[in-house]
Amino acid sequence: MIEFVSNISYCDKDVKKMYPDLIKDEAHFIIRVEDKLFFEEPNFSIYEFMYFVDEWIEKKLDDMKYIAIDTDDNPLISFIKDDGGYKINSPWQLFACEKLITREEIEEAILKLKK
């Protein structure tokens, strides 16, 4: 199971689609995998991340690579397709996650974040 948590609500109609609007709002952002803290950033560009995730979902791309404009540690978050699921990676990850996560689990967690 994967969970995305943010202290600001994300809504499709409010999504800013262009820079610098994509990076002007920051949030405390957390990713949990199997209830274990995988990633945490108190000043996270949530709209920029969601822009990359929405592109991945809408275009049905194999891999999602979030390239953050304000760091050289890129891709900051990635979902890389592997046999039977996706591996999640980040240079800022708190542990090496070996669990494969299904695309459906990721998309469901994104939908929960959007509510």
C-alpha atoms as a PDB file:
ATOM      1  CA  MET A   1       0.000   0.000   0.000  1.00  0.00           C
ATOM      2  CA  ILE A   2       1.172   3.519  -0.791  1.00  0.00           C
ATOM      3  CA  GLU A   3      -0.151   6.749   0.676  1.00  0.00           C
ATOM      4  CA  PHE A   4       0.492  10.389  -0.246  1.00  0.00           C
ATOM      5  CA  VAL A   5      -0.198  13.003   2.440  1.00  0.00           C
ATOM      6  CA  SER A   6      -0.121  16.791   2.170  1.00  0.00           C
ATOM      7  CA  ASN A   7      -1.148  19.600   4.498  1.00  0.00           C
ATOM      8  CA  ILE A   8      -2.806  21.498   1.630  1.00  0.00           C
ATOM      9  CA  SER A   9      -5.653  20.138  -0.416  1.00  0.00           C
ATOM     10  CA  TYR A  10      -5.071  19.563  -4.072  1.00  0.00           C
ATOM     11  CA  CYS A  11      -7.895  20.088  -6.540  1.00  0.00           C
ATOM     12  CA  ASP A  12      -7.824  19.661 -10.336  1.00  0.00           C
ATOM     13  CA  LYS A  13      -9.604  22.941 -11.010  1.00  0.00           C
ATOM     14  CA  ASP A  14      -6.954  24.856  -9.054  1.00  0.00           C
ATOM     15  CA  VAL A  15      -3.949  23.253 -10.695  1.00  0.00           C
ATOM     16  CA  LYS A  16      -1.495  25.737 -12.026  1.00  0.00           C
ATOM     17  CA  LYS A  17      -0.145  24.459 -15.339  1.00  0.00           C
ATOM     18  CA  MET A  18       2.771  26.809 -15.983  1.00  0.00           C
ATOM     19  CA  TYR A  19       5.955  27.891 -14.274  1.00  0.00           C
ATOM     20  CA  PRO A  20       6.409  29.849 -12.019  1.00  0.00           C
ATOM     21  CA  ASP A  21       2.872  29.107 -10.738  1.00  0.00           C
ATOM     22  CA  LEU A  22       3.671  25.399 -10.452  1.00  0.00           C
ATOM     23  CA  ILE A  23       6.286  26.038  -7.794  1.00  0.00           C
ATOM     24  CA  LYS A  24       4.898  28.994  -5.880  1.00  0.00           C
ATOM     25  CA  ASP A  25       2.815  26.935  -3.400  1.00  0.00           C
ATOM     26  CA  GLU A  26       4.646  24.535  -1.127  1.00  0.00           C
ATOM     27  CA  ALA A  27       3.274  21.915   1.228  1.00  0.00           C
ATOM     28  CA  HIS A  28       4.424  19.476   3.843  1.00  0.00           C
ATOM     29  CA  PHE A  29       4.417  16.256   1.809  1.00  0.00           C
ATOM     30  CA  ILE A  30       4.779  12.660   2.934  1.00  0.00           C
ATOM     31  CA  ILE A  31       4.873   9.315   1.146  1.00  0.00           C
ATOM     32  CA  ARG A  32       4.247   6.174   3.173  1.00  0.00           C
ATOM     33  CA  VAL A  33       4.766   2.658   1.868  1.00  0.00           C
ATOM     34  CA  GLU A  34       3.256  -0.124   3.962  1.00  0.00           C
ATOM     35  CA  ASP A  35       2.705   2.450   6.755  1.00  0.00           C
ATOM     36  CA  LYS A  36       6.447   3.188   6.833  1.00  0.00           C
ATOM     37  CA  LEU A  37       7.682   6.730   6.164  1.00  0.00           C
ATOM     38  CA  PHE A  38       9.422   6.664   2.772  1.00  0.00           C
ATOM     39  CA  PHE A  39       9.712  10.375   1.931  1.00  0.00           C
ATOM     40  CA  GLU A  40       9.091  13.611   3.807  1.00  0.00           C
ATOM     41  CA  GLU A  41       9.645  17.205   2.742  1.00  0.00           C
ATOM     42  CA  PRO A  42       8.177  20.199   4.605  1.00  0.00           C
ATOM     43  CA  ASN A  43       8.643  22.576   1.621  1.00  0.00           C
ATOM     44  CA  PHE A  44       7.457  20.472  -1.298  1.00  0.00           C
ATOM     45  CA  SER A  45       6.205  21.883  -4.616  1.00  0.00           C
ATOM     46  CA  ILE A  46       2.968  19.904  -4.616  1.00  0.00           C
ATOM     47  CA  TYR A  47       1.561  21.377  -7.839  1.00  0.00           C
ATOM     48  CA  GLU A  48       4.746  20.672  -9.744  1.00  0.00           C
ATOM     49  CA  PHE A  49       4.712  17.056  -8.536  1.00  0.00           C
ATOM     50  CA  MET A  50       1.035  16.663  -9.440  1.00  0.00           C
ATOM     51  CA  TYR A  51       1.693  18.078 -12.901  1.00  0.00           C
ATOM     52  CA  PHE A  52       4.161  15.230 -13.563  1.00  0.00           C
ATOM     53  CA  VAL A  53       1.858  12.619 -11.995  1.00  0.00           C
ATOM     54  CA  ASP A  54      -1.168  13.821 -13.992  1.00  0.00           C
ATOM     55  CA  GLU A  55       0.856  13.621 -17.222  1.00  0.00           C
ATOM     56  CA  TRP A  56       1.903  10.064 -16.316  1.00  0.00           C
ATOM     57  CA  ILE A  57      -1.685   9.033 -15.655  1.00  0.00           C
ATOM     58  CA  GLU A  58      -3.314  10.837 -18.596  1.00  0.00           C
ATOM     59  CA  LYS A  59      -0.742   9.740 -21.171  1.00  0.00           C
ATOM     60  CA  LYS A  60      -0.479   6.217 -19.715  1.00  0.00           C
ATOM     61  CA  LEU A  61       3.317   6.465 -19.664  1.00  0.00           C
ATOM     62  CA  ASP A  62       5.369   3.531 -18.383  1.00  0.00           C
ATOM     63  CA  ASP A  63       7.528   5.497 -15.938  1.00  0.00           C
ATOM     64  CA  MET A  64       6.860   8.636 -13.910  1.00  0.00           C
ATOM     65  CA  LYS A  65       9.893  10.795 -13.200  1.00  0.00           C
ATOM     66  CA  TYR A  66       9.288  13.962 -11.234  1.00  0.00           C
ATOM     67  CA  ILE A  67      12.007  16.423 -12.215  1.00  0.00           C
ATOM     68  CA  ALA A  68      11.910  19.205  -9.624  1.00  0.00           C
ATOM     69  CA  ILE A  69      13.099  22.586 -10.830  1.00  0.00           C
ATOM     70  CA  ASP A  70      14.480  23.618  -7.429  1.00  0.00           C
ATOM     71  CA  THR A  71      16.910  20.716  -6.831  1.00  0.00           C
ATOM     72  CA  ASP A  72      19.694  18.947  -8.669  1.00  0.00           C
ATOM     73  CA  ASP A  73      18.705  15.641  -6.991  1.00  0.00           C
ATOM     74  CA  ASN A  74      16.557  14.453  -9.891  1.00  0.00           C
ATOM     75  CA  PRO A  75      14.377  12.675 -10.540  1.00  0.00           C
ATOM     76  CA  LEU A  76      13.194  13.629  -7.070  1.00  0.00           C
ATOM     77  CA  ILE A  77      10.480  10.950  -7.094  1.00  0.00           C
ATOM     78  CA  SER A  78      10.061   8.212  -9.659  1.00  0.00           C
ATOM     79  CA  PHE A  79       7.807   5.237 -10.300  1.00  0.00           C
ATOM     80  CA  ILE A  80       9.744   2.852 -12.519  1.00  0.00           C
ATOM     81  CA  LYS A  81       7.890  -0.001 -14.203  1.00  0.00           C
ATOM     82  CA  ASP A  82       9.212  -3.415 -13.233  1.00  0.00           C
ATOM     83  CA  ASP A  83       7.863  -6.952 -13.533  1.00  0.00           C
ATOM     84  CA  GLY A  84       4.384  -6.908 -12.026  1.00  0.00           C
ATOM     85  CA  GLY A  85       4.437  -3.378 -10.656  1.00  0.00           C
ATOM     86  CA  TYR A  86       6.403  -0.228 -10.009  1.00  0.00           C
ATOM     87  CA  LYS A  87       9.429   0.571  -7.887  1.00  0.00           C
ATOM     88  CA  ILE A  88       9.399   3.895  -6.093  1.00  0.00           C
ATOM     89  CA  ASN A  89      12.674   5.754  -5.771  1.00  0.00           C
ATOM     90  CA  SER A  90      13.962   9.085  -4.540  1.00  0.00           C
ATOM     91  CA  PRO A  91      17.411  10.450  -3.734  1.00  0.00           C
ATOM     92  CA  TRP A  92      15.745  11.714  -0.521  1.00  0.00           C
ATOM     93  CA  GLN A  93      14.104   8.395   0.368  1.00  0.00           C
ATOM     94  CA  LEU A  94      14.289   7.263   3.983  1.00  0.00           C
ATOM     95  CA  PHE A  95      14.666   3.583   3.098  1.00  0.00           C
ATOM     96  CA  ALA A  96      15.195   1.458   0.003  1.00  0.00           C
ATOM     97  CA  CYS A  97      11.746   0.188  -0.933  1.00  0.00           C
ATOM     98  CA  GLU A  98      11.859  -3.258  -2.510  1.00  0.00           C
ATOM     99  CA  LYS A  99       8.076  -3.669  -2.583  1.00  0.00           C
ATOM    100  CA  LEU A 100       6.494  -3.472  -6.022  1.00  0.00           C
ATOM    101  CA  ILE A 101       3.436  -1.238  -6.079  1.00  0.00           C
ATOM    102  CA  THR A 102       0.726  -1.648  -8.692  1.00  0.00           C
ATOM    103  CA  ARG A 103      -0.215   1.253 -10.938  1.00  0.00           C
ATOM    104  CA  GLU A 104      -3.756   0.974  -9.586  1.00  0.00           C
ATOM    105  CA  GLU A 105      -2.492   1.450  -6.010  1.00  0.00           C
ATOM    106  CA  ILE A 106      -0.529   4.549  -7.026  1.00  0.00           C
ATOM    107  CA  GLU A 107      -3.426   6.057  -8.963  1.00  0.00           C
ATOM    108  CA  GLU A 108      -5.843   5.342  -6.096  1.00  0.00           C
ATOM    109  CA  ALA A 109      -3.471   7.052  -3.640  1.00  0.00           C
ATOM    110  CA  ILE A 110      -3.222  10.061  -5.978  1.00  0.00           C
ATOM    111  CA  LEU A 111      -7.040  10.272  -6.144  1.00  0.00           C
ATOM    112  CA  LYS A 112      -7.183  10.272  -2.316  1.00  0.00           C
ATOM    113  CA  LEU A 113      -4.604  13.073  -2.238  1.00  0.00           C
ATOM    114  CA  LYS A 114      -6.767  15.109  -4.613  1.00  0.00           C
ATOM    115  CA  LYS A 115      -9.804  14.969  -2.300  1.00  0.00           C
END
